[in-house]
Amino acid sequence: MTTIIRRQASEADKQQSQQWELWESGDTDHFEYSYDQDVQFVVQSGQAVIHSPTNPPVSISAGDHVTISQGVEGKWAISAPVTNRYQYF
């Protein structure tokens, strides 16, 4: 199933994610990505809404832990530049 799951990141999530890759949206207000593998990330800063044909819109902001499954076609509407730490699994 192609899903996007958001929850509050635990302290353990936040600490563990510091070892993951860094991604920054920069000054853009949108980002589109076809997820070809499962990914999880912890939002470090910023705000966005992820739109996908298979899910209701998901709002994300600092402190969120997000899991996106393989097959999701994501369109991010970025309202404040996003920085996150991510890991494919």
N, C-alpha and C. Protein backbone atom coordinates (compact mmCIF):
# COMPACT_ATOMS: atom_id res chain seq x y z
N MET A 1 0.84 -1.18 0.00
CA MET A 1 0.00 0.00 0.00
C MET A 1 0.89 1.25 0.00
N THR A 2 0.51 2.25 -0.76
CA THR A 2 1.28 3.49 -0.84
C THR A 2 0.72 4.48 0.18
N THR A 3 1.49 4.71 1.23
CA THR A 3 1.01 5.54 2.32
C THR A 3 2.05 6.58 2.75
N ILE A 4 1.51 7.60 3.41
CA ILE A 4 2.33 8.60 4.09
C ILE A 4 1.84 8.63 5.54
N ILE A 5 2.74 8.38 6.48
CA ILE A 5 2.38 8.34 7.90
C ILE A 5 3.20 9.39 8.64
N ARG A 6 2.51 10.25 9.38
CA ARG A 6 3.17 11.29 10.18
C ARG A 6 2.86 11.06 11.65
N ARG A 7 3.87 11.19 12.49
CA ARG A 7 3.69 11.13 13.93
C ARG A 7 4.74 12.04 14.57
N GLN A 8 4.55 12.32 15.84
CA GLN A 8 5.53 13.11 16.58
C GLN A 8 6.79 12.27 16.78
N ALA A 9 7.94 12.80 16.45
CA ALA A 9 9.20 12.07 16.63
C ALA A 9 9.53 11.95 18.12
N SER A 10 9.95 10.78 18.52
CA SER A 10 10.40 10.58 19.90
C SER A 10 11.82 11.13 20.04
N GLU A 11 12.29 11.25 21.26
CA GLU A 11 13.67 11.70 21.47
C GLU A 11 14.65 10.72 20.83
N ALA A 12 14.34 9.42 20.91
CA ALA A 12 15.21 8.41 20.27
C ALA A 12 15.23 8.61 18.76
N ASP A 13 14.07 8.89 18.15
CA ASP A 13 14.00 9.16 16.70
C ASP A 13 14.91 10.34 16.36
N LYS A 14 14.78 11.40 17.13
CA LYS A 14 15.55 12.62 16.85
C LYS A 14 17.05 12.36 16.95
N GLN A 15 17.47 11.61 17.98
CA GLN A 15 18.89 11.31 18.15
C GLN A 15 19.40 10.41 17.03
N GLN A 16 18.65 9.35 16.73
CA GLN A 16 19.06 8.40 15.70
C GLN A 16 19.15 9.09 14.33
N SER A 17 18.22 9.99 14.04
CA SER A 17 18.18 10.62 12.73
C SER A 17 19.39 11.51 12.45
N GLN A 18 20.12 11.91 13.48
CA GLN A 18 21.29 12.76 13.27
C GLN A 18 22.38 12.04 12.47
N GLN A 19 22.28 10.70 12.37
CA GLN A 19 23.23 9.91 11.59
C GLN A 19 22.79 9.76 10.13
N TRP A 20 21.56 10.19 9.82
CA TRP A 20 21.00 10.02 8.48
C TRP A 20 21.43 11.15 7.56
N GLU A 21 21.10 11.00 6.27
CA GLU A 21 21.42 12.01 5.26
C GLU A 21 20.60 13.28 5.50
N LEU A 22 21.19 14.42 5.13
CA LEU A 22 20.53 15.72 5.27
C LEU A 22 19.90 16.13 3.93
N TRP A 23 18.67 16.64 3.98
CA TRP A 23 18.00 17.18 2.80
C TRP A 23 17.45 18.55 3.14
N GLU A 24 17.65 19.50 2.23
CA GLU A 24 17.13 20.86 2.41
C GLU A 24 16.39 21.29 1.15
N SER A 25 15.22 21.86 1.34
CA SER A 25 14.42 22.29 0.19
C SER A 25 14.95 23.56 -0.45
N GLY A 26 15.68 24.35 0.30
CA GLY A 26 16.15 25.64 -0.22
C GLY A 26 14.99 26.62 -0.30
N ASP A 27 15.04 27.51 -1.26
CA ASP A 27 14.05 28.58 -1.36
C ASP A 27 12.83 28.23 -2.21
N THR A 28 12.73 27.01 -2.69
CA THR A 28 11.60 26.63 -3.54
C THR A 28 10.30 26.51 -2.72
N ASP A 29 9.17 26.66 -3.39
CA ASP A 29 7.89 26.51 -2.69
C ASP A 29 7.20 25.20 -3.07
N HIS A 30 7.88 24.38 -3.89
CA HIS A 30 7.31 23.08 -4.24
C HIS A 30 8.42 22.07 -4.52
N PHE A 31 8.08 20.81 -4.39
CA PHE A 31 9.02 19.71 -4.62
C PHE A 31 8.18 18.51 -5.02
N GLU A 32 8.56 17.84 -6.10
CA GLU A 32 7.85 16.64 -6.54
C GLU A 32 8.83 15.47 -6.57
N TYR A 33 8.35 14.30 -6.09
CA TYR A 33 9.22 13.14 -6.04
C TYR A 33 8.41 11.86 -6.14
N SER A 34 8.89 10.92 -6.95
CA SER A 34 8.30 9.59 -7.04
C SER A 34 9.15 8.67 -6.18
N TYR A 35 8.59 8.19 -5.10
CA TYR A 35 9.33 7.39 -4.14
C TYR A 35 9.47 5.96 -4.65
N ASP A 36 10.71 5.58 -5.01
CA ASP A 36 10.96 4.24 -5.55
C ASP A 36 11.40 3.25 -4.48
N GLN A 37 11.47 3.72 -3.25
CA GLN A 37 11.73 2.85 -2.09
C GLN A 37 11.17 3.52 -0.85
N ASP A 38 10.97 2.73 0.20
CA ASP A 38 10.45 3.28 1.45
C ASP A 38 11.48 4.23 2.06
N VAL A 39 10.98 5.32 2.65
CA VAL A 39 11.86 6.29 3.28
C VAL A 39 11.22 6.77 4.59
N GLN A 40 12.08 7.10 5.54
CA GLN A 40 11.61 7.75 6.75
C GLN A 40 12.47 8.99 6.97
N PHE A 41 11.87 10.01 7.57
CA PHE A 41 12.64 11.21 7.87
C PHE A 41 12.08 11.91 9.09
N VAL A 42 12.96 12.70 9.71
CA VAL A 42 12.58 13.54 10.84
C VAL A 42 12.78 14.98 10.39
N VAL A 43 11.71 15.76 10.47
CA VAL A 43 11.76 17.16 10.04
C VAL A 43 12.50 17.97 11.10
N GLN A 44 13.56 18.64 10.66
CA GLN A 44 14.38 19.47 11.54
C GLN A 44 13.82 20.89 11.66
N SER A 45 13.34 21.40 10.51
CA SER A 45 12.76 22.75 10.49
C SER A 45 11.90 22.89 9.24
N GLY A 46 11.04 23.90 9.26
CA GLY A 46 10.20 24.21 8.11
C GLY A 46 8.79 23.64 8.21
N GLN A 47 8.01 23.90 7.16
CA GLN A 47 6.63 23.44 7.08
C GLN A 47 6.27 23.15 5.63
N ALA A 48 5.48 22.09 5.44
CA ALA A 48 5.01 21.73 4.10
C ALA A 48 3.76 20.87 4.23
N VAL A 49 3.06 20.74 3.11
CA VAL A 49 1.95 19.80 2.99
C VAL A 49 2.31 18.89 1.83
N ILE A 50 2.27 17.57 2.09
CA ILE A 50 2.58 16.60 1.05
C ILE A 50 1.26 16.10 0.46
N HIS A 51 1.09 16.29 -0.85
CA HIS A 51 -0.10 15.85 -1.56
C HIS A 51 0.25 14.61 -2.37
N SER A 52 -0.69 13.66 -2.42
CA SER A 52 -0.50 12.43 -3.17
C SER A 52 -1.86 11.91 -3.60
N PRO A 53 -1.97 11.35 -4.80
CA PRO A 53 -3.26 10.81 -5.26
C PRO A 53 -3.79 9.67 -4.38
N THR A 54 -2.91 9.01 -3.62
CA THR A 54 -3.31 7.85 -2.83
C THR A 54 -3.52 8.15 -1.35
N ASN A 55 -3.37 9.42 -0.94
CA ASN A 55 -3.46 9.79 0.48
C ASN A 55 -4.13 11.15 0.62
N PRO A 56 -4.75 11.40 1.77
CA PRO A 56 -5.17 12.77 2.04
C PRO A 56 -3.92 13.62 2.26
N PRO A 57 -3.99 14.94 2.11
CA PRO A 57 -2.82 15.80 2.35
C PRO A 57 -2.28 15.60 3.77
N VAL A 58 -0.94 15.60 3.87
CA VAL A 58 -0.28 15.41 5.16
C VAL A 58 0.56 16.65 5.45
N SER A 59 0.23 17.36 6.54
CA SER A 59 1.00 18.53 6.96
C SER A 59 2.18 18.07 7.80
N ILE A 60 3.36 18.61 7.50
CA ILE A 60 4.55 18.27 8.28
C ILE A 60 5.23 19.54 8.77
N SER A 61 5.88 19.42 9.92
CA SER A 61 6.63 20.54 10.49
C SER A 61 7.70 19.98 11.42
N ALA A 62 8.53 20.87 11.96
CA ALA A 62 9.64 20.46 12.81
C ALA A 62 9.17 19.53 13.92
N GLY A 63 9.93 18.46 14.13
CA GLY A 63 9.62 17.49 15.18
C GLY A 63 8.78 16.32 14.72
N ASP A 64 8.38 16.31 13.44
CA ASP A 64 7.58 15.19 12.92
C ASP A 64 8.48 14.08 12.40
N HIS A 65 8.04 12.85 12.60
CA HIS A 65 8.65 11.67 11.99
C HIS A 65 7.69 11.24 10.89
N VAL A 66 8.19 11.12 9.67
CA VAL A 66 7.34 10.80 8.52
C VAL A 66 7.88 9.57 7.82
N THR A 67 6.97 8.65 7.48
CA THR A 67 7.32 7.48 6.69
C THR A 67 6.51 7.54 5.40
N ILE A 68 7.20 7.39 4.27
CA ILE A 68 6.55 7.38 2.97
C ILE A 68 6.91 6.06 2.30
N SER A 69 5.89 5.33 1.86
CA SER A 69 6.15 4.02 1.27
C SER A 69 6.44 4.12 -0.22
N GLN A 70 7.12 3.11 -0.71
CA GLN A 70 7.45 2.99 -2.12
C GLN A 70 6.18 3.11 -2.95
N GLY A 71 6.27 3.84 -4.05
CA GLY A 71 5.14 3.98 -4.95
C GLY A 71 4.37 5.28 -4.80
N VAL A 72 4.62 6.03 -3.73
CA VAL A 72 3.94 7.31 -3.53
C VAL A 72 4.46 8.33 -4.53
N GLU A 73 3.54 9.04 -5.14
CA GLU A 73 3.87 10.19 -6.00
C GLU A 73 3.59 11.43 -5.15
N GLY A 74 4.64 12.05 -4.60
CA GLY A 74 4.46 13.15 -3.68
C GLY A 74 4.69 14.50 -4.31
N LYS A 75 3.80 15.43 -4.00
CA LYS A 75 3.95 16.83 -4.40
C LYS A 75 3.92 17.66 -3.13
N TRP A 76 5.04 18.25 -2.80
CA TRP A 76 5.17 19.03 -1.58
C TRP A 76 4.85 20.49 -1.88
N ALA A 77 3.95 21.08 -1.07
CA ALA A 77 3.69 22.52 -1.08
C ALA A 77 4.42 23.07 0.15
N ILE A 78 5.51 23.78 -0.07
CA ILE A 78 6.40 24.21 1.01
C ILE A 78 6.08 25.65 1.39
N SER A 79 5.69 25.85 2.66
CA SER A 79 5.36 27.19 3.13
C SER A 79 6.52 27.83 3.90
N ALA A 80 7.44 27.02 4.41
CA ALA A 80 8.67 27.51 5.06
C ALA A 80 9.76 26.49 4.71
N PRO A 81 10.95 26.93 4.30
CA PRO A 81 11.99 26.00 3.85
C PRO A 81 12.17 24.82 4.81
N VAL A 82 12.20 23.62 4.23
CA VAL A 82 12.25 22.39 5.01
C VAL A 82 13.67 21.83 5.03
N THR A 83 14.08 21.39 6.21
CA THR A 83 15.30 20.63 6.41
C THR A 83 14.90 19.35 7.11
N ASN A 84 15.38 18.22 6.60
CA ASN A 84 15.10 16.97 7.29
C ASN A 84 16.29 16.04 7.20
N ARG A 85 16.26 15.03 8.06
CA ARG A 85 17.24 13.94 8.06
C ARG A 85 16.48 12.70 7.60
N TYR A 86 16.98 12.04 6.54
CA TYR A 86 16.21 10.93 5.97
C TYR A 86 17.06 9.67 5.84
N GLN A 87 16.33 8.56 5.73
CA GLN A 87 16.97 7.25 5.55
C GLN A 87 16.03 6.36 4.75
N TYR A 88 16.56 5.74 3.70
CA TYR A 88 15.79 4.75 2.95
C TYR A 88 15.90 3.41 3.68
N PHE A 89 14.84 2.60 3.58
CA PHE A 89 14.91 1.27 4.20
C PHE A 89 14.12 0.26 3.41
